[in-house]
């Protein structure tokens, strides 16, 4: 049985918050269940790693909890959040402090191919 969950967020449309929340909630739940969990932000989702971006996203009008609040909640239960190096070329290098590491494409492939890892992609 796998003991690690890798969630790769690449095809995120930041204008559709309802699509952004499930991967992060699944990561949070898995970490609370004591699995090792990593969320990797790449492609369009790399924007979420930049300061000021996740703070702008709310899920419905009047909601006081932002996507950034959900990121902090995930971190509090042990989720590691990483960003793919090429995203920095598109979105800048002003990362939120919750980012644990920047990684390249080889890292993603290596982790996804590991027998002890289950990979979800969004």
N, C-alpha and C. Protein backbone atom coordinates (compact mmCIF):
# COMPACT_ATOMS: atom_id res chain seq x y z
N UNK A 1 0.83 -1.18 0.00
CA UNK A 1 0.00 0.00 0.00
C UNK A 1 0.87 1.24 0.00
N UNK A 2 0.48 2.23 -0.76
CA UNK A 2 1.21 3.48 -0.84
C UNK A 2 1.08 4.24 0.48
N UNK A 3 2.11 4.99 0.82
CA UNK A 3 2.06 5.80 2.03
C UNK A 3 2.26 7.28 1.76
N UNK A 4 2.33 7.62 0.47
CA UNK A 4 2.51 9.03 0.10
C UNK A 4 1.50 9.41 -0.97
N UNK A 5 0.97 10.63 -0.84
CA UNK A 5 0.07 11.19 -1.84
C UNK A 5 0.74 12.41 -2.45
N UNK A 6 0.88 12.40 -3.76
CA UNK A 6 1.41 13.53 -4.51
C UNK A 6 0.26 14.12 -5.32
N UNK A 7 -0.05 15.38 -5.05
CA UNK A 7 -1.10 16.07 -5.80
C UNK A 7 -0.41 17.10 -6.68
N UNK A 8 -0.57 16.93 -7.99
CA UNK A 8 0.03 17.85 -8.95
C UNK A 8 -1.08 18.74 -9.49
N UNK A 9 -0.97 20.02 -9.19
CA UNK A 9 -1.93 21.00 -9.71
C UNK A 9 -1.27 21.76 -10.84
N UNK A 10 -1.81 21.59 -12.04
CA UNK A 10 -1.22 22.24 -13.21
C UNK A 10 -2.26 23.05 -13.99
N UNK A 11 -3.42 22.48 -14.17
CA UNK A 11 -4.44 23.08 -15.04
C UNK A 11 -5.45 23.88 -14.26
N UNK A 12 -4.99 24.68 -13.35
CA UNK A 12 -5.87 25.46 -12.49
C UNK A 12 -6.31 26.73 -13.19
N UNK A 13 -7.59 26.97 -13.15
CA UNK A 13 -8.13 28.22 -13.66
C UNK A 13 -8.45 29.08 -12.45
N UNK A 14 -7.62 30.07 -12.18
CA UNK A 14 -7.78 30.88 -10.98
C UNK A 14 -9.08 31.66 -10.97
N UNK A 15 -9.75 31.77 -12.10
CA UNK A 15 -11.04 32.46 -12.14
C UNK A 15 -12.19 31.54 -11.73
N UNK A 16 -11.90 30.26 -11.47
CA UNK A 16 -12.92 29.28 -11.06
C UNK A 16 -12.50 28.65 -9.73
N UNK A 17 -12.71 29.37 -8.63
CA UNK A 17 -12.26 28.90 -7.33
C UNK A 17 -12.77 27.52 -6.94
N UNK A 18 -13.95 27.15 -7.39
CA UNK A 18 -14.50 25.84 -7.02
C UNK A 18 -13.63 24.69 -7.53
N UNK A 19 -12.84 24.93 -8.57
CA UNK A 19 -11.94 23.91 -9.09
C UNK A 19 -10.64 23.83 -8.29
N UNK A 20 -10.32 24.87 -7.56
CA UNK A 20 -9.06 24.94 -6.83
C UNK A 20 -9.12 24.27 -5.46
N UNK A 21 -10.27 24.29 -4.84
CA UNK A 21 -10.38 23.83 -3.46
C UNK A 21 -10.26 22.32 -3.28
N UNK A 22 -10.91 21.47 -4.09
CA UNK A 22 -10.86 20.02 -3.83
C UNK A 22 -9.45 19.44 -3.69
N UNK A 23 -8.50 19.77 -4.56
CA UNK A 23 -7.17 19.18 -4.37
C UNK A 23 -6.54 19.53 -3.03
N UNK A 24 -6.71 20.76 -2.60
CA UNK A 24 -6.13 21.19 -1.34
C UNK A 24 -6.85 20.56 -0.15
N UNK A 25 -8.16 20.43 -0.25
CA UNK A 25 -8.90 19.76 0.83
C UNK A 25 -8.52 18.28 0.92
N UNK A 26 -8.36 17.62 -0.23
CA UNK A 26 -7.95 16.22 -0.22
C UNK A 26 -6.56 16.07 0.40
N UNK A 27 -5.67 16.99 0.10
CA UNK A 27 -4.33 16.96 0.69
C UNK A 27 -4.41 17.13 2.20
N UNK A 28 -5.23 18.05 2.64
CA UNK A 28 -5.38 18.31 4.07
C UNK A 28 -5.93 17.10 4.80
N UNK A 29 -6.94 16.47 4.23
CA UNK A 29 -7.53 15.28 4.85
C UNK A 29 -6.51 14.15 4.90
N UNK A 30 -5.80 13.91 3.80
CA UNK A 30 -4.81 12.84 3.77
C UNK A 30 -3.71 13.06 4.81
N UNK A 31 -3.25 14.30 4.95
CA UNK A 31 -2.23 14.60 5.96
C UNK A 31 -2.78 14.38 7.36
N UNK A 32 -4.04 14.76 7.59
CA UNK A 32 -4.66 14.53 8.90
C UNK A 32 -4.79 13.03 9.19
N UNK A 33 -4.88 12.22 8.12
CA UNK A 33 -4.92 10.77 8.27
C UNK A 33 -3.51 10.18 8.40
N UNK A 34 -2.52 11.06 8.50
CA UNK A 34 -1.12 10.72 8.73
C UNK A 34 -0.41 10.12 7.52
N UNK A 35 -0.89 10.45 6.33
CA UNK A 35 -0.14 10.11 5.13
C UNK A 35 0.87 11.22 4.87
N UNK A 36 1.94 10.88 4.20
CA UNK A 36 2.86 11.90 3.71
C UNK A 36 2.21 12.53 2.48
N UNK A 37 2.12 13.85 2.44
CA UNK A 37 1.40 14.52 1.36
C UNK A 37 2.22 15.69 0.83
N UNK A 38 2.29 15.76 -0.49
CA UNK A 38 2.90 16.90 -1.17
C UNK A 38 1.91 17.44 -2.19
N UNK A 39 1.82 18.76 -2.25
CA UNK A 39 1.08 19.43 -3.31
C UNK A 39 2.12 20.14 -4.15
N UNK A 40 2.12 19.85 -5.44
CA UNK A 40 3.07 20.47 -6.34
C UNK A 40 2.33 21.41 -7.27
N UNK A 41 2.69 22.67 -7.24
CA UNK A 41 2.07 23.69 -8.09
C UNK A 41 2.94 23.90 -9.32
N UNK A 42 2.35 23.69 -10.47
CA UNK A 42 3.08 23.86 -11.72
C UNK A 42 2.13 24.47 -12.76
N UNK A 43 2.67 24.86 -13.89
CA UNK A 43 1.83 25.47 -14.92
C UNK A 43 1.07 26.67 -14.38
N UNK A 44 -0.18 26.80 -14.78
CA UNK A 44 -1.03 27.91 -14.35
C UNK A 44 -1.16 27.95 -12.82
N UNK A 45 -1.19 26.80 -12.18
CA UNK A 45 -1.34 26.74 -10.72
C UNK A 45 -0.13 27.32 -9.99
N UNK A 46 0.99 27.47 -10.68
CA UNK A 46 2.16 28.07 -10.06
C UNK A 46 1.90 29.47 -9.54
N UNK A 47 0.91 30.13 -10.11
CA UNK A 47 0.53 31.47 -9.65
C UNK A 47 0.11 31.46 -8.18
N UNK A 48 -0.46 30.35 -7.72
CA UNK A 48 -0.93 30.26 -6.34
C UNK A 48 0.22 30.34 -5.34
N UNK A 49 1.43 30.08 -5.80
CA UNK A 49 2.60 30.13 -4.92
C UNK A 49 3.13 31.55 -4.74
N UNK A 50 2.61 32.49 -5.51
CA UNK A 50 3.11 33.86 -5.48
C UNK A 50 2.36 34.70 -4.45
N UNK A 51 3.10 35.51 -3.73
CA UNK A 51 2.48 36.37 -2.72
C UNK A 51 1.41 37.24 -3.36
N UNK A 52 0.28 37.32 -2.69
CA UNK A 52 -0.82 38.17 -3.13
C UNK A 52 -1.84 37.48 -4.00
N UNK A 53 -1.51 36.33 -4.59
CA UNK A 53 -2.45 35.67 -5.50
C UNK A 53 -3.51 34.86 -4.76
N UNK A 54 -3.10 33.95 -3.89
CA UNK A 54 -4.05 33.10 -3.18
C UNK A 54 -4.94 33.90 -2.24
N UNK A 55 -4.44 35.05 -1.77
CA UNK A 55 -5.22 35.90 -0.87
C UNK A 55 -6.42 36.53 -1.58
N UNK A 56 -6.36 36.63 -2.89
CA UNK A 56 -7.45 37.25 -3.67
C UNK A 56 -8.60 36.30 -3.95
N UNK A 57 -8.40 35.00 -3.72
CA UNK A 57 -9.38 34.00 -4.13
C UNK A 57 -10.28 33.62 -2.96
N UNK A 58 -11.58 33.89 -3.13
CA UNK A 58 -12.59 33.43 -2.17
C UNK A 58 -13.57 32.54 -2.93
N UNK A 59 -14.32 31.72 -2.21
CA UNK A 59 -15.12 30.70 -2.87
C UNK A 59 -16.56 31.11 -3.12
N UNK A 60 -17.03 32.07 -2.39
CA UNK A 60 -18.33 32.65 -2.69
C UNK A 60 -18.38 34.02 -2.05
N UNK A 61 -19.24 34.85 -2.57
CA UNK A 61 -19.34 36.23 -2.10
C UNK A 61 -19.64 36.25 -0.60
N UNK A 62 -18.92 37.07 0.11
CA UNK A 62 -19.12 37.19 1.55
C UNK A 62 -18.28 36.23 2.37
N UNK A 63 -17.58 35.31 1.71
CA UNK A 63 -16.72 34.35 2.41
C UNK A 63 -15.49 35.10 2.92
N UNK A 64 -15.16 34.91 4.17
CA UNK A 64 -13.99 35.59 4.72
C UNK A 64 -12.75 34.71 4.67
N UNK A 65 -12.89 33.45 4.28
CA UNK A 65 -11.76 32.54 4.19
C UNK A 65 -11.25 32.50 2.75
N UNK A 66 -9.99 32.82 2.57
CA UNK A 66 -9.40 32.84 1.23
C UNK A 66 -8.70 31.52 0.93
N UNK A 67 -8.28 31.36 -0.31
CA UNK A 67 -7.51 30.18 -0.68
C UNK A 67 -6.22 30.13 0.12
N UNK A 68 -5.65 31.28 0.39
CA UNK A 68 -4.43 31.33 1.20
C UNK A 68 -4.69 30.77 2.60
N UNK A 69 -5.85 31.04 3.17
CA UNK A 69 -6.19 30.46 4.47
C UNK A 69 -6.21 28.94 4.40
N UNK A 70 -6.71 28.40 3.29
CA UNK A 70 -6.73 26.94 3.10
C UNK A 70 -5.30 26.39 2.95
N UNK A 71 -4.44 27.13 2.29
CA UNK A 71 -3.03 26.72 2.18
C UNK A 71 -2.41 26.64 3.57
N UNK A 72 -2.64 27.65 4.39
CA UNK A 72 -2.08 27.65 5.75
C UNK A 72 -2.64 26.49 6.58
N UNK A 73 -3.92 26.19 6.40
CA UNK A 73 -4.53 25.06 7.10
C UNK A 73 -3.86 23.74 6.68
N UNK A 74 -3.64 23.58 5.38
CA UNK A 74 -2.97 22.37 4.89
C UNK A 74 -1.56 22.25 5.49
N UNK A 75 -0.84 23.35 5.52
CA UNK A 75 0.50 23.34 6.10
C UNK A 75 0.47 22.95 7.57
N UNK A 76 -0.54 23.43 8.29
CA UNK A 76 -0.65 23.15 9.73
C UNK A 76 -0.82 21.66 10.05
N UNK A 77 -1.37 20.89 9.10
CA UNK A 77 -1.52 19.46 9.33
C UNK A 77 -0.41 18.65 8.67
N UNK A 78 0.57 19.33 8.06
CA UNK A 78 1.74 18.62 7.56
C UNK A 78 1.90 18.50 6.06
N UNK A 79 1.04 19.11 5.28
CA UNK A 79 1.18 19.07 3.82
C UNK A 79 2.41 19.87 3.42
N UNK A 80 3.23 19.28 2.57
CA UNK A 80 4.37 20.00 1.99
C UNK A 80 3.90 20.58 0.66
N UNK A 81 4.24 21.84 0.44
CA UNK A 81 3.82 22.51 -0.79
C UNK A 81 5.06 22.93 -1.55
N UNK A 82 5.11 22.50 -2.80
CA UNK A 82 6.27 22.77 -3.65
C UNK A 82 5.81 23.44 -4.93
N UNK A 83 6.72 24.16 -5.55
CA UNK A 83 6.40 24.82 -6.82
C UNK A 83 7.44 24.40 -7.84
N UNK A 84 7.00 24.21 -9.06
CA UNK A 84 7.90 23.81 -10.15
C UNK A 84 8.71 25.02 -10.61
N UNK A 85 9.98 24.83 -10.77
CA UNK A 85 10.90 25.91 -11.12
C UNK A 85 10.46 26.72 -12.34
N UNK A 86 9.99 26.11 -13.43
CA UNK A 86 9.56 26.92 -14.58
C UNK A 86 8.45 27.91 -14.26
N UNK A 87 7.62 27.62 -13.24
CA UNK A 87 6.56 28.56 -12.87
C UNK A 87 7.14 29.90 -12.43
N UNK A 88 8.33 29.87 -11.87
CA UNK A 88 8.98 31.10 -11.41
C UNK A 88 9.29 32.02 -12.59
N UNK A 89 9.56 31.43 -13.75
CA UNK A 89 9.84 32.24 -14.94
C UNK A 89 8.60 32.97 -15.43
N UNK A 90 7.43 32.35 -15.21
CA UNK A 90 6.18 32.97 -15.65
C UNK A 90 5.61 33.94 -14.64
N UNK A 91 5.67 33.58 -13.35
CA UNK A 91 4.93 34.30 -12.33
C UNK A 91 5.80 35.10 -11.36
N UNK A 92 7.11 34.93 -11.44
CA UNK A 92 8.00 35.68 -10.55
C UNK A 92 8.52 34.82 -9.42
N UNK A 93 9.31 35.42 -8.56
CA UNK A 93 9.95 34.66 -7.49
C UNK A 93 9.54 35.13 -6.10
N UNK A 94 8.47 35.89 -6.01
CA UNK A 94 8.00 36.39 -4.73
C UNK A 94 7.05 35.35 -4.11
N UNK A 95 7.62 34.27 -3.57
CA UNK A 95 6.84 33.13 -3.09
C UNK A 95 6.25 33.36 -1.70
N UNK A 96 5.10 32.72 -1.46
CA UNK A 96 4.53 32.73 -0.13
C UNK A 96 5.45 31.91 0.79
N UNK A 97 5.48 32.21 2.07
CA UNK A 97 6.40 31.50 2.97
C UNK A 97 6.04 30.02 3.15
N UNK A 98 4.85 29.61 2.76
CA UNK A 98 4.44 28.21 2.93
C UNK A 98 5.06 27.27 1.90
N UNK A 99 5.74 27.81 0.90
CA UNK A 99 6.38 26.95 -0.11
C UNK A 99 7.63 26.32 0.52
N UNK A 100 7.66 24.98 0.49
CA UNK A 100 8.77 24.25 1.09
C UNK A 100 9.99 24.17 0.19
N UNK A 101 9.74 24.15 -1.14
CA UNK A 101 10.85 23.89 -2.04
C UNK A 101 10.43 24.19 -3.47
N UNK A 102 11.40 24.53 -4.30
CA UNK A 102 11.16 24.58 -5.74
C UNK A 102 11.80 23.34 -6.34
N UNK A 103 11.10 22.73 -7.29
CA UNK A 103 11.56 21.48 -7.89
C UNK A 103 11.40 21.53 -9.40
N UNK A 104 12.09 20.66 -10.09
CA UNK A 104 12.02 20.60 -11.55
C UNK A 104 11.18 19.42 -12.02
N UNK A 105 11.07 19.30 -13.32
CA UNK A 105 10.27 18.24 -13.93
C UNK A 105 10.74 16.84 -13.57
N UNK A 106 12.04 16.65 -13.43
CA UNK A 106 12.56 15.32 -13.08
C UNK A 106 12.07 14.89 -11.70
N UNK A 107 11.91 15.83 -10.79
CA UNK A 107 11.40 15.51 -9.46
C UNK A 107 9.99 14.95 -9.56
N UNK A 108 9.15 15.62 -10.34
CA UNK A 108 7.76 15.18 -10.48
C UNK A 108 7.71 13.76 -11.04
N UNK A 109 8.47 13.51 -12.09
CA UNK A 109 8.48 12.18 -12.71
C UNK A 109 8.98 11.14 -11.73
N UNK A 110 10.07 11.43 -11.04
CA UNK A 110 10.64 10.49 -10.08
C UNK A 110 9.65 10.13 -8.98
N UNK A 111 8.98 11.13 -8.42
CA UNK A 111 8.02 10.88 -7.35
C UNK A 111 6.80 10.13 -7.86
N UNK A 112 6.30 10.51 -9.02
CA UNK A 112 5.10 9.86 -9.56
C UNK A 112 5.36 8.40 -9.91
N UNK A 113 6.58 8.06 -10.27
CA UNK A 113 6.91 6.69 -10.66
C UNK A 113 7.22 5.79 -9.47
N UNK A 114 7.36 6.36 -8.30
CA UNK A 114 7.68 5.59 -7.10
C UNK A 114 6.47 4.73 -6.70
N UNK A 115 6.72 3.45 -6.44
CA UNK A 115 5.63 2.52 -6.10
C UNK A 115 4.91 2.87 -4.80
N UNK A 116 5.56 3.63 -3.93
CA UNK A 116 4.93 3.95 -2.65
C UNK A 116 4.14 5.26 -2.71
N UNK A 117 4.01 5.84 -3.92
CA UNK A 117 3.32 7.12 -4.09
C UNK A 117 2.10 6.96 -4.97
N UNK A 118 0.99 7.54 -4.54
CA UNK A 118 -0.20 7.67 -5.37
C UNK A 118 -0.23 9.12 -5.85
N UNK A 119 -0.46 9.32 -7.14
CA UNK A 119 -0.44 10.65 -7.71
C UNK A 119 -1.81 11.03 -8.25
N UNK A 120 -2.30 12.19 -7.80
CA UNK A 120 -3.53 12.78 -8.34
C UNK A 120 -3.09 14.01 -9.14
N UNK A 121 -3.70 14.23 -10.28
CA UNK A 121 -3.39 15.42 -11.06
C UNK A 121 -4.67 16.22 -11.30
N UNK A 122 -4.49 17.52 -11.27
CA UNK A 122 -5.61 18.45 -11.50
C UNK A 122 -5.15 19.52 -12.46
